[in-house]
Amino acid sequence: MLLLDPEKRVTAAEALTLPYFTEFRDSEEEKEAQPYDHSLDNAELSVDQWKRHTFTEILTFKPVLPDSKETSL
């Protein structure tokens, strides 16, 4: 499971099916994440463009809050 080569290691979904996680896992609550967007990884942007992009990402971020099973105090 602890391999650096992504082609040889198990995926996160496969890892969650291992016996180690059975005590902690609730497959009913799991949602599969969207694939990572690699489009910016090799972008040749200036420092100001990176700052602007980062600031825009912060402003437009809308977290998805799960329904809590716990009651608040």
N, C-alpha and C. Protein backbone atom coordinates (compact mmCIF):
# COMPACT_ATOMS: atom_id res chain seq x y z
N MET A 1 0.82 -1.19 0.00
CA MET A 1 0.00 0.00 0.00
C MET A 1 0.87 1.26 0.00
N LEU A 2 2.03 1.24 0.62
CA LEU A 2 2.87 2.42 0.70
C LEU A 2 3.92 2.40 -0.40
N LEU A 3 3.48 2.63 -1.61
CA LEU A 3 4.35 2.67 -2.77
C LEU A 3 4.34 4.06 -3.37
N LEU A 4 5.50 4.52 -3.83
CA LEU A 4 5.57 5.84 -4.44
C LEU A 4 5.00 5.86 -5.84
N ASP A 5 5.14 4.77 -6.57
CA ASP A 5 4.67 4.70 -7.95
C ASP A 5 3.14 4.60 -7.95
N PRO A 6 2.43 5.63 -8.45
CA PRO A 6 0.97 5.61 -8.41
C PRO A 6 0.36 4.50 -9.27
N GLU A 7 1.11 3.99 -10.23
CA GLU A 7 0.60 2.90 -11.07
C GLU A 7 0.58 1.58 -10.31
N LYS A 8 1.41 1.45 -9.27
CA LYS A 8 1.53 0.19 -8.53
C LYS A 8 0.76 0.18 -7.22
N ARG A 9 0.48 1.34 -6.65
CA ARG A 9 -0.18 1.37 -5.34
C ARG A 9 -1.71 1.30 -5.49
N VAL A 10 -2.35 0.93 -4.41
CA VAL A 10 -3.81 0.82 -4.42
C VAL A 10 -4.42 2.22 -4.42
N THR A 11 -5.62 2.32 -4.91
CA THR A 11 -6.34 3.59 -4.89
C THR A 11 -6.90 3.81 -3.48
N ALA A 12 -7.35 5.02 -3.22
CA ALA A 12 -7.96 5.31 -1.92
C ALA A 12 -9.20 4.44 -1.71
N ALA A 13 -9.99 4.27 -2.75
CA ALA A 13 -11.20 3.44 -2.64
C ALA A 13 -10.83 1.99 -2.32
N GLU A 14 -9.78 1.48 -2.95
CA GLU A 14 -9.33 0.12 -2.66
C GLU A 14 -8.78 0.01 -1.24
N ALA A 15 -8.05 1.02 -0.81
CA ALA A 15 -7.48 1.01 0.54
C ALA A 15 -8.58 0.98 1.60
N LEU A 16 -9.67 1.67 1.35
CA LEU A 16 -10.76 1.71 2.33
C LEU A 16 -11.44 0.36 2.52
N THR A 17 -11.26 -0.55 1.58
CA THR A 17 -11.87 -1.88 1.71
C THR A 17 -10.98 -2.84 2.51
N LEU A 18 -9.78 -2.42 2.87
CA LEU A 18 -8.87 -3.27 3.63
C LEU A 18 -9.40 -3.48 5.05
N PRO A 19 -9.09 -4.62 5.65
CA PRO A 19 -9.61 -4.93 6.99
C PRO A 19 -9.28 -3.88 8.05
N TYR A 20 -8.17 -3.18 7.88
CA TYR A 20 -7.76 -2.18 8.86
C TYR A 20 -8.84 -1.11 9.06
N PHE A 21 -9.58 -0.78 8.03
CA PHE A 21 -10.54 0.32 8.09
C PHE A 21 -11.97 -0.10 8.44
N THR A 22 -12.25 -1.38 8.55
CA THR A 22 -13.63 -1.82 8.75
C THR A 22 -14.26 -1.24 10.01
N GLU A 23 -13.46 -1.05 11.05
CA GLU A 23 -13.98 -0.51 12.30
C GLU A 23 -14.38 0.97 12.16
N PHE A 24 -13.71 1.69 11.28
CA PHE A 24 -13.90 3.14 11.17
C PHE A 24 -14.75 3.55 9.97
N ARG A 25 -15.00 2.67 9.07
CA ARG A 25 -15.61 3.01 7.79
C ARG A 25 -17.13 2.86 7.83
N ASP A 26 -17.81 3.84 7.25
CA ASP A 26 -19.25 3.74 7.04
C ASP A 26 -19.49 4.04 5.56
N SER A 27 -19.58 3.00 4.75
CA SER A 27 -19.67 3.17 3.30
C SER A 27 -20.93 3.92 2.88
N GLU A 28 -21.95 3.96 3.74
CA GLU A 28 -23.17 4.71 3.43
C GLU A 28 -22.91 6.21 3.36
N GLU A 29 -21.92 6.68 4.11
CA GLU A 29 -21.63 8.11 4.16
C GLU A 29 -20.57 8.55 3.16
N GLU A 30 -19.97 7.62 2.46
CA GLU A 30 -18.88 7.96 1.55
C GLU A 30 -19.38 8.51 0.23
N LYS A 31 -18.68 9.54 -0.24
CA LYS A 31 -18.94 10.11 -1.55
C LYS A 31 -17.62 10.10 -2.30
N GLU A 32 -17.65 9.72 -3.56
CA GLU A 32 -16.42 9.70 -4.34
C GLU A 32 -16.09 11.12 -4.80
N ALA A 33 -14.85 11.50 -4.61
CA ALA A 33 -14.40 12.84 -4.98
C ALA A 33 -14.28 12.98 -6.49
N GLN A 34 -14.41 14.21 -6.96
CA GLN A 34 -14.20 14.50 -8.37
C GLN A 34 -12.71 14.33 -8.69
N PRO A 35 -12.38 13.93 -9.90
CA PRO A 35 -10.96 13.81 -10.27
C PRO A 35 -10.26 15.15 -10.14
N TYR A 36 -8.99 15.09 -9.77
CA TYR A 36 -8.19 16.30 -9.60
C TYR A 36 -7.96 16.96 -10.95
N ASP A 37 -8.09 18.28 -10.99
CA ASP A 37 -7.86 19.05 -12.21
C ASP A 37 -6.39 19.46 -12.27
N HIS A 38 -5.64 18.85 -13.18
CA HIS A 38 -4.20 19.10 -13.30
C HIS A 38 -3.88 20.30 -14.19
N SER A 39 -4.86 21.03 -14.65
CA SER A 39 -4.63 22.06 -15.66
C SER A 39 -3.68 23.16 -15.20
N LEU A 40 -3.63 23.45 -13.91
CA LEU A 40 -2.75 24.53 -13.44
C LEU A 40 -1.37 24.05 -13.01
N ASP A 41 -1.16 22.75 -12.95
CA ASP A 41 0.11 22.24 -12.44
C ASP A 41 1.33 22.75 -13.20
N ASN A 42 1.22 22.87 -14.48
CA ASN A 42 2.36 23.30 -15.30
C ASN A 42 2.15 24.68 -15.92
N ALA A 43 1.24 25.45 -15.37
CA ALA A 43 0.96 26.78 -15.92
C ALA A 43 2.13 27.72 -15.67
N GLU A 44 2.45 28.49 -16.67
CA GLU A 44 3.53 29.49 -16.58
C GLU A 44 2.90 30.84 -16.27
N LEU A 45 2.60 31.08 -15.00
CA LEU A 45 1.97 32.32 -14.59
C LEU A 45 2.95 33.18 -13.80
N SER A 46 2.75 34.48 -13.88
CA SER A 46 3.59 35.39 -13.09
C SER A 46 3.14 35.32 -11.63
N VAL A 47 3.94 35.88 -10.75
CA VAL A 47 3.59 35.88 -9.33
C VAL A 47 2.26 36.60 -9.11
N ASP A 48 2.07 37.73 -9.78
CA ASP A 48 0.80 38.46 -9.65
C ASP A 48 -0.38 37.64 -10.14
N GLN A 49 -0.20 36.88 -11.22
CA GLN A 49 -1.29 36.03 -11.73
C GLN A 49 -1.60 34.91 -10.74
N TRP A 50 -0.56 34.31 -10.13
CA TRP A 50 -0.79 33.27 -9.12
C TRP A 50 -1.52 33.85 -7.92
N LYS A 51 -1.12 35.04 -7.50
CA LYS A 51 -1.79 35.68 -6.37
C LYS A 51 -3.26 35.94 -6.69
N ARG A 52 -3.53 36.45 -7.88
CA ARG A 52 -4.90 36.74 -8.29
C ARG A 52 -5.72 35.46 -8.36
N HIS A 53 -5.13 34.42 -8.94
CA HIS A 53 -5.83 33.14 -9.04
C HIS A 53 -6.14 32.57 -7.65
N THR A 54 -5.15 32.61 -6.77
CA THR A 54 -5.34 32.09 -5.41
C THR A 54 -6.42 32.88 -4.68
N PHE A 55 -6.39 34.19 -4.79
CA PHE A 55 -7.38 35.04 -4.14
C PHE A 55 -8.79 34.74 -4.67
N THR A 56 -8.91 34.56 -5.98
CA THR A 56 -10.20 34.23 -6.58
C THR A 56 -10.71 32.88 -6.07
N GLU A 57 -9.81 31.91 -5.97
CA GLU A 57 -10.20 30.59 -5.45
C GLU A 57 -10.72 30.71 -4.02
N ILE A 58 -10.05 31.51 -3.22
CA ILE A 58 -10.47 31.69 -1.82
C ILE A 58 -11.86 32.33 -1.77
N LEU A 59 -12.07 33.35 -2.58
CA LEU A 59 -13.36 34.05 -2.57
C LEU A 59 -14.51 33.19 -3.06
N THR A 60 -14.25 32.30 -4.00
CA THR A 60 -15.32 31.50 -4.60
C THR A 60 -15.50 30.13 -3.93
N PHE A 61 -14.65 29.81 -2.95
CA PHE A 61 -14.75 28.51 -2.29
C PHE A 61 -16.03 28.42 -1.47
N LYS A 62 -16.77 27.35 -1.69
CA LYS A 62 -17.99 27.10 -0.93
C LYS A 62 -17.91 25.67 -0.39
N PRO A 63 -17.58 25.52 0.89
CA PRO A 63 -17.44 24.17 1.44
C PRO A 63 -18.78 23.45 1.49
N VAL A 64 -18.73 22.16 1.32
CA VAL A 64 -19.92 21.32 1.45
C VAL A 64 -19.90 20.77 2.86
N LEU A 65 -20.85 21.20 3.66
CA LEU A 65 -20.90 20.77 5.05
C LEU A 65 -21.81 19.56 5.18
N PRO A 66 -21.28 18.47 5.70
CA PRO A 66 -22.12 17.27 5.86
C PRO A 66 -23.13 17.47 6.98
N ASP A 67 -24.23 16.76 6.88
CA ASP A 67 -25.20 16.78 7.97
C ASP A 67 -24.58 16.04 9.15
N SER A 68 -24.49 16.70 10.26
CA SER A 68 -23.86 16.12 11.44
C SER A 68 -24.83 15.18 12.15
N LYS A 69 -24.31 14.06 12.61
CA LYS A 69 -25.12 13.13 13.40
C LYS A 69 -25.10 13.52 14.87
N GLU A 70 -24.18 14.43 15.21
CA GLU A 70 -24.04 14.86 16.60
C GLU A 70 -24.88 16.10 16.83
N THR A 71 -25.32 16.28 18.05
CA THR A 71 -26.07 17.48 18.39
C THR A 71 -25.11 18.54 18.91
N SER A 72 -25.41 19.78 18.62
CA SER A 72 -24.55 20.85 19.10
C SER A 72 -24.94 21.21 20.53
N LEU A 73 -23.99 21.77 21.25
CA LEU A 73 -24.25 22.14 22.65
C LEU A 73 -24.85 23.51 22.73
